[in-house]
Amino acid sequence: GEAAGYPGEPYLDAPIGYTVEGWDNK
């Protein structure tokens, strides 16, 4: 997700955190 980038990010009030707490990404 971070590599692809979110197209709406410039319009957000805060940067996106691409990690999900409690989620085992592996």
mmCIF file of all heavy atoms, coordinates in Angstrom:
data_MODEL
# 
_entry.id   MODEL 
# 
loop_
_atom_site.group_PDB 
_atom_site.id 
_atom_site.type_symbol 
_atom_site.label_atom_id 
_atom_site.label_alt_id 
_atom_site.label_comp_id 
_atom_site.label_asym_id 
_atom_site.label_entity_id 
_atom_site.label_seq_id 
_atom_site.pdbx_PDB_ins_code 
_atom_site.Cartn_x 
_atom_site.Cartn_y 
_atom_site.Cartn_z 
_atom_site.occupancy 
_atom_site.B_iso_or_equiv 
_atom_site.pdbx_formal_charge 
_atom_site.auth_seq_id 
_atom_site.auth_comp_id 
_atom_site.auth_asym_id 
_atom_site.auth_atom_id 
_atom_site.pdbx_PDB_model_num 
ATOM 1   N N   . GLY A 1 1  ? 0.816  -1.214  0.000  1.00 0.00 ? 1  GLY A N   1 
ATOM 2   C CA  . GLY A 1 1  ? 0.000  0.000   0.000  1.00 0.00 ? 1  GLY A CA  1 
ATOM 3   C C   . GLY A 1 1  ? 0.844  1.256   0.000  1.00 0.00 ? 1  GLY A C   1 
ATOM 4   O O   . GLY A 1 1  ? 0.557  2.216   -0.712 1.00 0.00 ? 1  GLY A O   1 
ATOM 5   N N   . GLU A 1 2  ? 1.902  1.253   0.798  1.00 0.00 ? 2  GLU A N   1 
ATOM 6   C CA  . GLU A 1 2  ? 2.776  2.426   0.884  1.00 0.00 ? 2  GLU A CA  1 
ATOM 7   C C   . GLU A 1 2  ? 3.489  2.674   -0.444 1.00 0.00 ? 2  GLU A C   1 
ATOM 8   O O   . GLU A 1 2  ? 3.605  3.816   -0.890 1.00 0.00 ? 2  GLU A O   1 
ATOM 9   C CB  . GLU A 1 2  ? 3.792  2.231   2.007  1.00 0.00 ? 2  GLU A CB  1 
ATOM 10  C CG  . GLU A 1 2  ? 4.559  3.486   2.343  1.00 0.00 ? 2  GLU A CG  1 
ATOM 11  C CD  . GLU A 1 2  ? 5.334  3.359   3.638  1.00 0.00 ? 2  GLU A CD  1 
ATOM 12  O OE1 . GLU A 1 2  ? 5.387  2.256   4.224  1.00 0.00 ? 2  GLU A OE1 1 
ATOM 13  O OE2 . GLU A 1 2  ? 5.882  4.382   4.065  1.00 0.00 ? 2  GLU A OE2 1 
ATOM 14  N N   . ALA A 1 3  ? 3.948  1.596   -1.104 1.00 0.00 ? 3  ALA A N   1 
ATOM 15  C CA  . ALA A 1 3  ? 4.648  1.745   -2.379 1.00 0.00 ? 3  ALA A CA  1 
ATOM 16  C C   . ALA A 1 3  ? 3.717  2.295   -3.464 1.00 0.00 ? 3  ALA A C   1 
ATOM 17  O O   . ALA A 1 3  ? 4.113  3.117   -4.284 1.00 0.00 ? 3  ALA A O   1 
ATOM 18  C CB  . ALA A 1 3  ? 5.231  0.405   -2.821 1.00 0.00 ? 3  ALA A CB  1 
ATOM 19  N N   . ALA A 1 4  ? 2.474  1.834   -3.450 1.00 0.00 ? 4  ALA A N   1 
ATOM 20  C CA  . ALA A 1 4  ? 1.518  2.293   -4.459 1.00 0.00 ? 4  ALA A CA  1 
ATOM 21  C C   . ALA A 1 4  ? 1.095  3.735   -4.202 1.00 0.00 ? 4  ALA A C   1 
ATOM 22  O O   . ALA A 1 4  ? 0.885  4.507   -5.122 1.00 0.00 ? 4  ALA A O   1 
ATOM 23  C CB  . ALA A 1 4  ? 0.293  1.372   -4.471 1.00 0.00 ? 4  ALA A CB  1 
ATOM 24  N N   . GLY A 1 5  ? 0.961  4.099   -2.925 1.00 0.00 ? 5  GLY A N   1 
ATOM 25  C CA  . GLY A 1 5  ? 0.537  5.459   -2.569 1.00 0.00 ? 5  GLY A CA  1 
ATOM 26  C C   . GLY A 1 5  ? -0.958 5.653   -2.771 1.00 0.00 ? 5  GLY A C   1 
ATOM 27  O O   . GLY A 1 5  ? -1.562 5.082   -3.666 1.00 0.00 ? 5  GLY A O   1 
ATOM 28  N N   . TYR A 1 6  ? -1.525 6.456   -1.917 1.00 0.00 ? 6  TYR A N   1 
ATOM 29  C CA  . TYR A 1 6  ? -2.948 6.765   -1.985 1.00 0.00 ? 6  TYR A CA  1 
ATOM 30  C C   . TYR A 1 6  ? -3.129 8.087   -2.722 1.00 0.00 ? 6  TYR A C   1 
ATOM 31  O O   . TYR A 1 6  ? -2.548 9.107   -2.332 1.00 0.00 ? 6  TYR A O   1 
ATOM 32  C CB  . TYR A 1 6  ? -3.531 6.841   -0.569 1.00 0.00 ? 6  TYR A CB  1 
ATOM 33  C CG  . TYR A 1 6  ? -4.994 7.182   -0.525 1.00 0.00 ? 6  TYR A CG  1 
ATOM 34  C CD1 . TYR A 1 6  ? -5.936 6.332   -1.091 1.00 0.00 ? 6  TYR A CD1 1 
ATOM 35  C CD2 . TYR A 1 6  ? -5.443 8.350   0.070  1.00 0.00 ? 6  TYR A CD2 1 
ATOM 36  C CE1 . TYR A 1 6  ? -7.288 6.633   -1.060 1.00 0.00 ? 6  TYR A CE1 1 
ATOM 37  C CE2 . TYR A 1 6  ? -6.787 8.657   0.117  1.00 0.00 ? 6  TYR A CE2 1 
ATOM 38  C CZ  . TYR A 1 6  ? -7.709 7.791   -0.454 1.00 0.00 ? 6  TYR A CZ  1 
ATOM 39  O OH  . TYR A 1 6  ? -9.043 8.102   -0.424 1.00 0.00 ? 6  TYR A OH  1 
ATOM 40  N N   . PRO A 1 7  ? -3.913 8.129   -3.807 1.00 0.00 ? 7  PRO A N   1 
ATOM 41  C CA  . PRO A 1 7  ? -4.032 9.366   -4.594 1.00 0.00 ? 7  PRO A CA  1 
ATOM 42  C C   . PRO A 1 7  ? -4.639 10.539  -3.831 1.00 0.00 ? 7  PRO A C   1 
ATOM 43  O O   . PRO A 1 7  ? -4.381 11.695  -4.159 1.00 0.00 ? 7  PRO A O   1 
ATOM 44  C CB  . PRO A 1 7  ? -4.917 8.952   -5.773 1.00 0.00 ? 7  PRO A CB  1 
ATOM 45  C CG  . PRO A 1 7  ? -5.647 7.751   -5.329 1.00 0.00 ? 7  PRO A CG  1 
ATOM 46  C CD  . PRO A 1 7  ? -4.745 7.059   -4.345 1.00 0.00 ? 7  PRO A CD  1 
ATOM 47  N N   . GLY A 1 8  ? -5.418 10.261  -2.799 1.00 0.00 ? 8  GLY A N   1 
ATOM 48  C CA  . GLY A 1 8  ? -6.043 11.339  -2.039 1.00 0.00 ? 8  GLY A CA  1 
ATOM 49  C C   . GLY A 1 8  ? -5.213 11.849  -0.882 1.00 0.00 ? 8  GLY A C   1 
ATOM 50  O O   . GLY A 1 8  ? -5.628 12.763  -0.164 1.00 0.00 ? 8  GLY A O   1 
ATOM 51  N N   . GLU A 1 9  ? -4.020 11.300  -0.682 1.00 0.00 ? 9  GLU A N   1 
ATOM 52  C CA  . GLU A 1 9  ? -3.205 11.679  0.480  1.00 0.00 ? 9  GLU A CA  1 
ATOM 53  C C   . GLU A 1 9  ? -2.910 13.182  0.562  1.00 0.00 ? 9  GLU A C   1 
ATOM 54  O O   . GLU A 1 9  ? -2.944 13.745  1.656  1.00 0.00 ? 9  GLU A O   1 
ATOM 55  C CB  . GLU A 1 9  ? -1.909 10.871  0.530  1.00 0.00 ? 9  GLU A CB  1 
ATOM 56  C CG  . GLU A 1 9  ? -1.167 11.071  1.837  1.00 0.00 ? 9  GLU A CG  1 
ATOM 57  C CD  . GLU A 1 9  ? -0.118 10.008  2.104  1.00 0.00 ? 9  GLU A CD  1 
ATOM 58  O OE1 . GLU A 1 9  ? 0.220  9.229   1.203  1.00 0.00 ? 9  GLU A OE1 1 
ATOM 59  O OE2 . GLU A 1 9  ? 0.358  9.968   3.253  1.00 0.00 ? 9  GLU A OE2 1 
ATOM 60  N N   . PRO A 1 10 ? -2.656 13.867  -0.551 1.00 0.00 ? 10 PRO A N   1 
ATOM 61  C CA  . PRO A 1 10 ? -2.395 15.320  -0.432 1.00 0.00 ? 10 PRO A CA  1 
ATOM 62  C C   . PRO A 1 10 ? -3.548 16.107  0.181  1.00 0.00 ? 10 PRO A C   1 
ATOM 63  O O   . PRO A 1 10 ? -3.351 17.214  0.663  1.00 0.00 ? 10 PRO A O   1 
ATOM 64  C CB  . PRO A 1 10 ? -2.159 15.765  -1.881 1.00 0.00 ? 10 PRO A CB  1 
ATOM 65  C CG  . PRO A 1 10 ? -1.774 14.530  -2.614 1.00 0.00 ? 10 PRO A CG  1 
ATOM 66  C CD  . PRO A 1 10 ? -2.487 13.396  -1.924 1.00 0.00 ? 10 PRO A CD  1 
ATOM 67  N N   . TYR A 1 11 ? -4.743 15.546  0.168  1.00 0.00 ? 11 TYR A N   1 
ATOM 68  C CA  . TYR A 1 11 ? -5.913 16.253  0.680  1.00 0.00 ? 11 TYR A CA  1 
ATOM 69  C C   . TYR A 1 11 ? -6.262 15.879  2.121  1.00 0.00 ? 11 TYR A C   1 
ATOM 70  O O   . TYR A 1 11 ? -7.211 16.401  2.676  1.00 0.00 ? 11 TYR A O   1 
ATOM 71  C CB  . TYR A 1 11 ? -7.122 15.975  -0.231 1.00 0.00 ? 11 TYR A CB  1 
ATOM 72  C CG  . TYR A 1 11 ? -6.813 16.285  -1.663 1.00 0.00 ? 11 TYR A CG  1 
ATOM 73  C CD1 . TYR A 1 11 ? -6.537 15.267  -2.578 1.00 0.00 ? 11 TYR A CD1 1 
ATOM 74  C CD2 . TYR A 1 11 ? -6.751 17.598  -2.109 1.00 0.00 ? 11 TYR A CD2 1 
ATOM 75  C CE1 . TYR A 1 11 ? -6.224 15.551  -3.897 1.00 0.00 ? 11 TYR A CE1 1 
ATOM 76  C CE2 . TYR A 1 11 ? -6.439 17.888  -3.423 1.00 0.00 ? 11 TYR A CE2 1 
ATOM 77  C CZ  . TYR A 1 11 ? -6.181 16.859  -4.307 1.00 0.00 ? 11 TYR A CZ  1 
ATOM 78  O OH  . TYR A 1 11 ? -5.861 17.148  -5.609 1.00 0.00 ? 11 TYR A OH  1 
ATOM 79  N N   . LEU A 1 12 ? -5.486 14.979  2.715  1.00 0.00 ? 12 LEU A N   1 
ATOM 80  C CA  . LEU A 1 12 ? -5.754 14.535  4.081  1.00 0.00 ? 12 LEU A CA  1 
ATOM 81  C C   . LEU A 1 12 ? -5.083 15.451  5.101  1.00 0.00 ? 12 LEU A C   1 
ATOM 82  O O   . LEU A 1 12 ? -4.072 16.087  4.804  1.00 0.00 ? 12 LEU A O   1 
ATOM 83  C CB  . LEU A 1 12 ? -5.254 13.095  4.279  1.00 0.00 ? 12 LEU A CB  1 
ATOM 84  C CG  . LEU A 1 12 ? -5.897 12.049  3.374  1.00 0.00 ? 12 LEU A CG  1 
ATOM 85  C CD1 . LEU A 1 12 ? -5.228 10.698  3.586  1.00 0.00 ? 12 LEU A CD1 1 
ATOM 86  C CD2 . LEU A 1 12 ? -7.392 11.950  3.629  1.00 0.00 ? 12 LEU A CD2 1 
ATOM 87  N N   . ASP A 1 13 ? -5.636 15.485  6.296  1.00 0.00 ? 13 ASP A N   1 
ATOM 88  C CA  . ASP A 1 13 ? -5.084 16.317  7.365  1.00 0.00 ? 13 ASP A CA  1 
ATOM 89  C C   . ASP A 1 13 ? -3.862 15.698  8.026  1.00 0.00 ? 13 ASP A C   1 
ATOM 90  O O   . ASP A 1 13 ? -3.116 16.386  8.703  1.00 0.00 ? 13 ASP A O   1 
ATOM 91  C CB  . ASP A 1 13 ? -6.148 16.572  8.444  1.00 0.00 ? 13 ASP A CB  1 
ATOM 92  C CG  . ASP A 1 13 ? -7.299 17.426  7.922  1.00 0.00 ? 13 ASP A CG  1 
ATOM 93  O OD1 . ASP A 1 13 ? -7.089 18.194  6.969  1.00 0.00 ? 13 ASP A OD1 1 
ATOM 94  O OD2 . ASP A 1 13 ? -8.403 17.307  8.465  1.00 0.00 ? 13 ASP A OD2 1 
ATOM 95  N N   . ALA A 1 14 ? -3.675 14.393  7.868  1.00 0.00 ? 14 ALA A N   1 
ATOM 96  C CA  . ALA A 1 14 ? -2.552 13.700  8.509  1.00 0.00 ? 14 ALA A CA  1 
ATOM 97  C C   . ALA A 1 14 ? -2.021 12.642  7.541  1.00 0.00 ? 14 ALA A C   1 
ATOM 98  O O   . ALA A 1 14 ? -2.760 12.166  6.680  1.00 0.00 ? 14 ALA A O   1 
ATOM 99  C CB  . ALA A 1 14 ? -3.011 13.043  9.804  1.00 0.00 ? 14 ALA A CB  1 
ATOM 100 N N   . PRO A 1 15 ? -0.762 12.268  7.691  1.00 0.00 ? 15 PRO A N   1 
ATOM 101 C CA  . PRO A 1 15 ? -0.219 11.233  6.811  1.00 0.00 ? 15 PRO A CA  1 
ATOM 102 C C   . PRO A 1 15 ? -0.858 9.872   7.105  1.00 0.00 ? 15 PRO A C   1 
ATOM 103 O O   . PRO A 1 15 ? -1.361 9.628   8.200  1.00 0.00 ? 15 PRO A O   1 
ATOM 104 C CB  . PRO A 1 15 ? 1.280  11.218  7.133  1.00 0.00 ? 15 PRO A CB  1 
ATOM 105 C CG  . PRO A 1 15 ? 1.385  11.827  8.489  1.00 0.00 ? 15 PRO A CG  1 
ATOM 106 C CD  . PRO A 1 15 ? 0.229  12.777  8.632  1.00 0.00 ? 15 PRO A CD  1 
ATOM 107 N N   . ILE A 1 16 ? -0.825 9.001   6.119  1.00 0.00 ? 16 ILE A N   1 
ATOM 108 C CA  . ILE A 1 16 ? -1.408 7.669   6.259  1.00 0.00 ? 16 ILE A CA  1 
ATOM 109 C C   . ILE A 1 16 ? -0.403 6.754   6.943  1.00 0.00 ? 16 ILE A C   1 
ATOM 110 O O   . ILE A 1 16 ? 0.771  6.738   6.608  1.00 0.00 ? 16 ILE A O   1 
ATOM 111 C CB  . ILE A 1 16 ? -1.764 7.089   4.875  1.00 0.00 ? 16 ILE A CB  1 
ATOM 112 C CG1 . ILE A 1 16 ? -2.827 7.952   4.213  1.00 0.00 ? 16 ILE A CG1 1 
ATOM 113 C CG2 . ILE A 1 16 ? -2.241 5.649   4.991  1.00 0.00 ? 16 ILE A CG2 1 
ATOM 114 C CD1 . ILE A 1 16 ? -3.120 7.577   2.789  1.00 0.00 ? 16 ILE A CD1 1 
ATOM 115 N N   . GLY A 1 17 ? -0.880 5.981   7.897  1.00 0.00 ? 17 GLY A N   1 
ATOM 116 C CA  . GLY A 1 17 ? -0.077 4.926   8.508  1.00 0.00 ? 17 GLY A CA  1 
ATOM 117 C C   . GLY A 1 17 ? -0.462 3.617   7.843  1.00 0.00 ? 17 GLY A C   1 
ATOM 118 O O   . GLY A 1 17 ? -1.599 3.188   7.940  1.00 0.00 ? 17 GLY A O   1 
ATOM 119 N N   . TYR A 1 18 ? 0.452  3.008   7.171  1.00 0.00 ? 18 TYR A N   1 
ATOM 120 C CA  . TYR A 1 18 ? 0.119  1.813   6.387  1.00 0.00 ? 18 TYR A CA  1 
ATOM 121 C C   . TYR A 1 18 ? 0.179  0.520   7.192  1.00 0.00 ? 18 TYR A C   1 
ATOM 122 O O   . TYR A 1 18 ? -0.033 -0.548  6.659  1.00 0.00 ? 18 TYR A O   1 
ATOM 123 C CB  . TYR A 1 18 ? 1.025  1.720   5.151  1.00 0.00 ? 18 TYR A CB  1 
ATOM 124 C CG  . TYR A 1 18 ? 0.668  2.761   4.128  1.00 0.00 ? 18 TYR A CG  1 
ATOM 125 C CD1 . TYR A 1 18 ? 1.337  3.979   4.067  1.00 0.00 ? 18 TYR A CD1 1 
ATOM 126 C CD2 . TYR A 1 18 ? -0.367 2.539   3.229  1.00 0.00 ? 18 TYR A CD2 1 
ATOM 127 C CE1 . TYR A 1 18 ? 0.994  4.936   3.130  1.00 0.00 ? 18 TYR A CE1 1 
ATOM 128 C CE2 . TYR A 1 18 ? -0.729 3.489   2.284  1.00 0.00 ? 18 TYR A CE2 1 
ATOM 129 C CZ  . TYR A 1 18 ? -0.041 4.684   2.239  1.00 0.00 ? 18 TYR A CZ  1 
ATOM 130 O OH  . TYR A 1 18 ? -0.384 5.631   1.314  1.00 0.00 ? 18 TYR A OH  1 
ATOM 131 N N   . THR A 1 19 ? 0.471  0.595   8.479  1.00 0.00 ? 19 THR A N   1 
ATOM 132 C CA  . THR A 1 19 ? 0.457  -0.607  9.308  1.00 0.00 ? 19 THR A CA  1 
ATOM 133 C C   . THR A 1 19 ? -0.850 -0.657  10.074 1.00 0.00 ? 19 THR A C   1 
ATOM 134 O O   . THR A 1 19 ? -1.395 0.369   10.473 1.00 0.00 ? 19 THR A O   1 
ATOM 135 C CB  . THR A 1 19 ? 1.631  -0.622  10.308 1.00 0.00 ? 19 THR A CB  1 
ATOM 136 O OG1 . THR A 1 19 ? 1.542  0.545   11.128 1.00 0.00 ? 19 THR A OG1 1 
ATOM 137 C CG2 . THR A 1 19 ? 2.964  -0.639  9.583  1.00 0.00 ? 19 THR A CG2 1 
ATOM 138 N N   . VAL A 1 20 ? -1.344 -1.851  10.257 1.00 0.00 ? 20 VAL A N   1 
ATOM 139 C CA  . VAL A 1 20 ? -2.603 -2.048  10.964 1.00 0.00 ? 20 VAL A CA  1 
ATOM 140 C C   . VAL A 1 20 ? -2.285 -2.678  12.307 1.00 0.00 ? 20 VAL A C   1 
ATOM 141 O O   . VAL A 1 20 ? -1.772 -3.792  12.365 1.00 0.00 ? 20 VAL A O   1 
ATOM 142 C CB  . VAL A 1 20 ? -3.544 -2.967  10.151 1.00 0.00 ? 20 VAL A CB  1 
ATOM 143 C CG1 . VAL A 1 20 ? -4.859 -3.145  10.886 1.00 0.00 ? 20 VAL A CG1 1 
ATOM 144 C CG2 . VAL A 1 20 ? -3.759 -2.406  8.763  1.00 0.00 ? 20 VAL A CG2 1 
ATOM 145 N N   . GLU A 1 21 ? -2.559 -1.953  13.365 1.00 0.00 ? 21 GLU A N   1 
ATOM 146 C CA  . GLU A 1 21 ? -2.262 -2.449  14.705 1.00 0.00 ? 21 GLU A CA  1 
ATOM 147 C C   . GLU A 1 21 ? -3.065 -3.710  14.998 1.00 0.00 ? 21 GLU A C   1 
ATOM 148 O O   . GLU A 1 21 ? -4.268 -3.775  14.732 1.00 0.00 ? 21 GLU A O   1 
ATOM 149 C CB  . GLU A 1 21 ? -2.589 -1.374  15.738 1.00 0.00 ? 21 GLU A CB  1 
ATOM 150 C CG  . GLU A 1 21 ? -2.040 -1.694  17.104 1.00 0.00 ? 21 GLU A CG  1 
ATOM 151 C CD  . GLU A 1 21 ? -2.190 -0.523  18.049 1.00 0.00 ? 21 GLU A CD  1 
ATOM 152 O OE1 . GLU A 1 21 ? -1.973 0.620   17.629 1.00 0.00 ? 21 GLU A OE1 1 
ATOM 153 O OE2 . GLU A 1 21 ? -2.527 -0.780  19.209 1.00 0.00 ? 21 GLU A OE2 1 
ATOM 154 N N   . GLY A 1 22 ? -2.389 -4.732  15.496 1.00 0.00 ? 22 GLY A N   1 
ATOM 155 C CA  . GLY A 1 22 ? -3.062 -5.976  15.833 1.00 0.00 ? 22 GLY A CA  1 
ATOM 156 C C   . GLY A 1 22 ? -3.228 -6.933  14.667 1.00 0.00 ? 22 GLY A C   1 
ATOM 157 O O   . GLY A 1 22 ? -3.755 -8.018  14.823 1.00 0.00 ? 22 GLY A O   1 
ATOM 158 N N   . TRP A 1 23 ? -2.777 -6.537  13.494 1.00 0.00 ? 23 TRP A N   1 
ATOM 159 C CA  . TRP A 1 23 ? -2.940 -7.375  12.317 1.00 0.00 ? 23 TRP A CA  1 
ATOM 160 C C   . TRP A 1 23 ? -1.589 -7.963  11.961 1.00 0.00 ? 23 TRP A C   1 
ATOM 161 O O   . TRP A 1 23 ? -0.623 -7.230  11.757 1.00 0.00 ? 23 TRP A O   1 
ATOM 162 C CB  . TRP A 1 23 ? -3.477 -6.538  11.168 1.00 0.00 ? 23 TRP A CB  1 
ATOM 163 C CG  . TRP A 1 23 ? -3.761 -7.294  9.912  1.00 0.00 ? 23 TRP A CG  1 
ATOM 164 C CD1 . TRP A 1 23 ? -4.342 -8.503  9.797  1.00 0.00 ? 23 TRP A CD1 1 
ATOM 165 C CD2 . TRP A 1 23 ? -3.498 -6.846  8.575  1.00 0.00 ? 23 TRP A CD2 1 
ATOM 166 N NE1 . TRP A 1 23 ? -4.468 -8.857  8.486  1.00 0.00 ? 23 TRP A NE1 1 
ATOM 167 C CE2 . TRP A 1 23 ? -3.954 -7.849  7.708  1.00 0.00 ? 23 TRP A CE2 1 
ATOM 168 C CE3 . TRP A 1 23 ? -2.941 -5.700  8.036  1.00 0.00 ? 23 TRP A CE3 1 
ATOM 169 C CZ2 . TRP A 1 23 ? -3.859 -7.745  6.334  1.00 0.00 ? 23 TRP A CZ2 1 
ATOM 170 C CZ3 . TRP A 1 23 ? -2.852 -5.600  6.673  1.00 0.00 ? 23 TRP A CZ3 1 
ATOM 171 C CH2 . TRP A 1 23 ? -3.300 -6.610  5.831  1.00 0.00 ? 23 TRP A CH2 1 
ATOM 172 N N   . ASP A 1 24 ? -1.511 -9.269  11.872 1.00 0.00 ? 24 ASP A N   1 
ATOM 173 C CA  . ASP A 1 24 ? -0.266 -9.935  11.525 1.00 0.00 ? 24 ASP A CA  1 
ATOM 174 C C   . ASP A 1 24 ? -0.122 -9.909  10.007 1.00 0.00 ? 24 ASP A C   1 
ATOM 175 O O   . ASP A 1 24 ? -0.655 -10.747 9.297  1.00 0.00 ? 24 ASP A O   1 
ATOM 176 C CB  . ASP A 1 24 ? -0.267 -11.372 12.047 1.00 0.00 ? 24 ASP A CB  1 
ATOM 177 C CG  . ASP A 1 24 ? 1.023  -12.105 11.720 1.00 0.00 ? 24 ASP A CG  1 
ATOM 178 O OD1 . ASP A 1 24 ? 1.915  -11.514 11.078 1.00 0.00 ? 24 ASP A OD1 1 
ATOM 179 O OD2 . ASP A 1 24 ? 1.130  -13.276 12.110 1.00 0.00 ? 24 ASP A OD2 1 
ATOM 180 N N   . ASN A 1 25 ? 0.588  -8.914  9.521  1.00 0.00 ? 25 ASN A N   1 
ATOM 181 C CA  . ASN A 1 25 ? 0.751  -8.713  8.089  1.00 0.00 ? 25 ASN A CA  1 
ATOM 182 C C   . ASN A 1 25 ? 1.370  -9.933  7.413  1.00 0.00 ? 25 ASN A C   1 
ATOM 183 O O   . ASN A 1 25 ? 1.021  -10.282 6.299  1.00 0.00 ? 25 ASN A O   1 
ATOM 184 C CB  . ASN A 1 25 ? 1.610  -7.466  7.863  1.00 0.00 ? 25 ASN A CB  1 
ATOM 185 C CG  . ASN A 1 25 ? 1.292  -6.781  6.561  1.00 0.00 ? 25 ASN A CG  1 
ATOM 186 O OD1 . ASN A 1 25 ? 0.284  -7.070  5.936  1.00 0.00 ? 25 ASN A OD1 1 
ATOM 187 N ND2 . ASN A 1 25 ? 2.142  -5.873  6.151  1.00 0.00 ? 25 ASN A ND2 1 
ATOM 188 N N   . LYS A 1 26 ? 2.290  -10.612 8.080  1.00 0.00 ? 26 LYS A N   1 
ATOM 189 C CA  . LYS A 1 26 ? 2.960  -11.768 7.492  1.00 0.00 ? 26 LYS A CA  1 
ATOM 190 C C   . LYS A 1 26 ? 1.980  -12.925 7.298  1.00 0.00 ? 26 LYS A C   1 
ATOM 191 O O   . LYS A 1 26 ? 2.049  -13.649 6.311  1.00 0.00 ? 26 LYS A O   1 
ATOM 192 C CB  . LYS A 1 26 ? 4.129  -12.212 8.376  1.00 0.00 ? 26 LYS A CB  1 
ATOM 193 C CG  . LYS A 1 26 ? 5.251  -11.212 8.387  1.00 0.00 ? 26 LYS A CG  1 
ATOM 194 C CD  . LYS A 1 26 ? 6.361  -11.668 9.308  1.00 0.00 ? 26 LYS A CD  1 
ATOM 195 C CE  . LYS A 1 26 ? 7.405  -10.562 9.375  1.00 0.00 ? 26 LYS A CE  1 
ATOM 196 N NZ  . LYS A 1 26 ? 8.422  -10.850 10.370 1.00 0.00 ? 26 LYS A NZ  1 
# 
